[in-house]
């Protein structure tokens, strides 16, 4: 596990320990797990994680909900490699991992935050122009 991702998993675990999810939240989380086909969080695979990401991508979940869902997965014993996979994913394709968006940026991991330029794109900025007198 990469050191950065390991630290993000630890940060998720700390966040999870601070949470006290009520029954309503657990039901919402259960709906996501059911839709993703996850029967036992402690036995999740990366394929289950991929399916969960698809469910989240097609939802209108808030960044806080996504963070809380992952925290609940950590509490319920999701394998470290699955948590690592989820945290290092980029659901919205904006070049920022889910962990970066929920822990550092505070942005929505389900929608791109800035338009992404292709690597060969040129950024053209307006140059100062002199006051030209046009005559017709």
Protein backbone atom coordinates (compact mmCIF):
# COMPACT_ATOMS: atom_id res chain seq x y z
CA UNK A 1 0.00 0.00 0.00
CA UNK A 2 1.46 3.38 -0.96
CA UNK A 3 2.35 5.56 2.02
CA UNK A 4 -0.02 8.36 0.97
CA UNK A 5 -2.92 5.94 0.57
CA UNK A 6 -2.07 4.26 3.86
CA UNK A 7 -2.26 7.66 5.56
CA UNK A 8 -5.61 8.32 3.89
CA UNK A 9 -6.95 4.97 5.13
CA UNK A 10 -5.76 5.91 8.63
CA UNK A 11 -7.46 9.30 8.30
CA UNK A 12 -10.66 7.56 7.24
CA UNK A 13 -10.38 5.24 10.25
CA UNK A 14 -9.98 8.23 12.59
CA UNK A 15 -13.00 9.92 11.03
CA UNK A 16 -14.97 6.67 11.36
CA UNK A 17 -14.16 6.40 15.07
CA UNK A 18 -15.61 9.89 15.62
CA UNK A 19 -18.92 8.99 13.98
CA UNK A 20 -22.05 7.72 15.64
CA UNK A 21 -24.33 6.75 12.80
CA UNK A 22 -27.98 6.47 13.71
CA UNK A 23 -30.28 3.80 12.31
CA UNK A 24 -31.53 6.05 9.51
CA UNK A 25 -27.99 6.63 8.23
CA UNK A 26 -27.26 2.92 8.43
CA UNK A 27 -30.37 2.27 6.34
CA UNK A 28 -29.20 4.77 3.69
CA UNK A 29 -25.79 3.12 3.65
CA UNK A 30 -27.46 -0.30 3.42
CA UNK A 31 -29.42 0.87 0.38
CA UNK A 32 -26.16 1.74 -1.39
CA UNK A 33 -24.53 -1.56 -0.44
CA UNK A 34 -27.63 -3.49 -1.57
CA UNK A 35 -27.76 -1.67 -4.90
CA UNK A 36 -24.06 -2.41 -5.39
CA UNK A 37 -24.66 -6.08 -4.55
CA UNK A 38 -22.45 -6.06 -1.45
CA UNK A 39 -23.64 -8.70 1.00
CA UNK A 40 -20.81 -8.61 3.53
CA UNK A 41 -18.65 -5.50 3.84
CA UNK A 42 -15.85 -7.39 5.58
CA UNK A 43 -15.55 -9.64 2.50
CA UNK A 44 -15.71 -6.88 -0.12
CA UNK A 45 -13.57 -7.21 -3.23
CA UNK A 46 -12.30 -4.54 -5.59
CA UNK A 47 -15.08 -5.64 -7.96
CA UNK A 48 -17.60 -4.81 -5.21
CA UNK A 49 -15.82 -1.47 -4.77
CA UNK A 50 -16.10 -0.78 -8.51
CA UNK A 51 -19.82 -1.50 -8.39
CA UNK A 52 -20.22 0.73 -5.34
CA UNK A 53 -18.45 3.56 -7.17
CA UNK A 54 -20.84 3.13 -10.10
CA UNK A 55 -23.82 3.36 -7.75
CA UNK A 56 -22.37 6.50 -6.16
CA UNK A 57 -21.56 8.03 -9.55
CA UNK A 58 -25.20 7.63 -10.59
CA UNK A 59 -26.50 9.12 -7.36
CA UNK A 60 -26.87 12.60 -5.99
CA UNK A 61 -24.98 11.77 -2.80
CA UNK A 62 -23.30 14.63 -0.99
CA UNK A 63 -19.55 14.62 -0.32
CA UNK A 64 -20.35 14.16 3.39
CA UNK A 65 -22.49 11.10 2.58
CA UNK A 66 -19.68 9.56 0.50
CA UNK A 67 -17.18 10.18 3.31
CA UNK A 68 -19.59 8.75 5.88
CA UNK A 69 -20.34 5.70 3.72
CA UNK A 70 -16.64 4.95 3.50
CA UNK A 71 -16.26 5.52 7.24
CA UNK A 72 -19.06 3.07 7.88
CA UNK A 73 -17.33 0.55 5.59
CA UNK A 74 -14.15 0.98 7.66
CA UNK A 75 -16.11 0.48 10.89
CA UNK A 76 -17.72 -2.66 9.48
CA UNK A 77 -14.36 -4.15 8.53
CA UNK A 78 -13.89 -3.48 4.83
CA UNK A 79 -10.54 -4.96 3.78
CA UNK A 80 -7.69 -2.39 3.63
CA UNK A 81 -7.06 -3.04 -0.08
CA UNK A 82 -10.71 -2.25 -0.82
CA UNK A 83 -10.57 0.98 1.19
CA UNK A 84 -7.34 1.85 -0.63
CA UNK A 85 -9.02 1.18 -3.98
CA UNK A 86 -12.02 3.36 -3.10
CA UNK A 87 -9.91 6.21 -1.75
CA UNK A 88 -7.57 6.24 -4.75
CA UNK A 89 -10.40 6.22 -7.30
CA UNK A 90 -11.36 9.24 -9.38
CA UNK A 91 -15.11 8.83 -9.93
CA UNK A 92 -15.62 12.12 -11.72
CA UNK A 93 -12.48 12.05 -13.85
CA UNK A 94 -11.20 15.44 -12.70
CA UNK A 95 -7.72 14.20 -11.83
CA UNK A 96 -8.28 14.27 -8.04
CA UNK A 97 -8.71 11.08 -6.05
CA UNK A 98 -11.75 10.52 -3.89
CA UNK A 99 -9.53 10.88 -0.81
CA UNK A 100 -8.10 14.20 -2.01
CA UNK A 101 -11.58 15.53 -2.68
CA UNK A 102 -13.17 14.52 0.64
CA UNK A 103 -10.20 15.11 2.96
CA UNK A 104 -8.21 17.94 1.35
CA UNK A 105 -10.34 19.84 -1.14
CA UNK A 106 -13.76 19.49 0.46
CA UNK A 107 -15.19 19.16 -3.05
CA UNK A 108 -17.75 16.80 -4.49
CA UNK A 109 -16.06 13.57 -5.62
CA UNK A 110 -19.05 12.81 -7.87
CA UNK A 111 -18.74 15.82 -10.17
CA UNK A 112 -15.71 17.35 -11.85
CA UNK A 113 -14.67 20.54 -10.13
CA UNK A 114 -12.78 22.18 -12.96
CA UNK A 115 -12.80 21.60 -16.68
CA UNK A 116 -9.90 19.37 -17.58
CA UNK A 117 -7.64 20.38 -20.45
CA UNK A 118 -6.05 17.81 -22.66
CA UNK A 119 -2.28 17.57 -22.20
CA UNK A 120 -1.71 19.27 -25.58
CA UNK A 121 -4.18 22.10 -25.02
CA UNK A 122 -2.87 25.65 -25.13
CA UNK A 123 -4.11 28.21 -22.69
CA UNK A 124 -4.45 31.51 -24.45
CA UNK A 125 -4.67 34.59 -22.32
CA UNK A 126 -5.66 37.94 -23.70
CA UNK A 127 -2.71 40.16 -24.33
CA UNK A 128 -2.87 43.83 -23.64
CA UNK A 129 -3.79 45.69 -26.79
CA UNK A 130 -3.08 49.22 -27.63
CA UNK A 131 -5.96 51.58 -28.12
CA UNK A 132 -6.39 51.29 -31.86
CA UNK A 133 -8.40 53.71 -33.93
CA UNK A 134 -10.23 51.87 -36.62
CA UNK A 135 -11.17 53.75 -39.74
CA UNK A 136 -13.58 52.49 -42.33
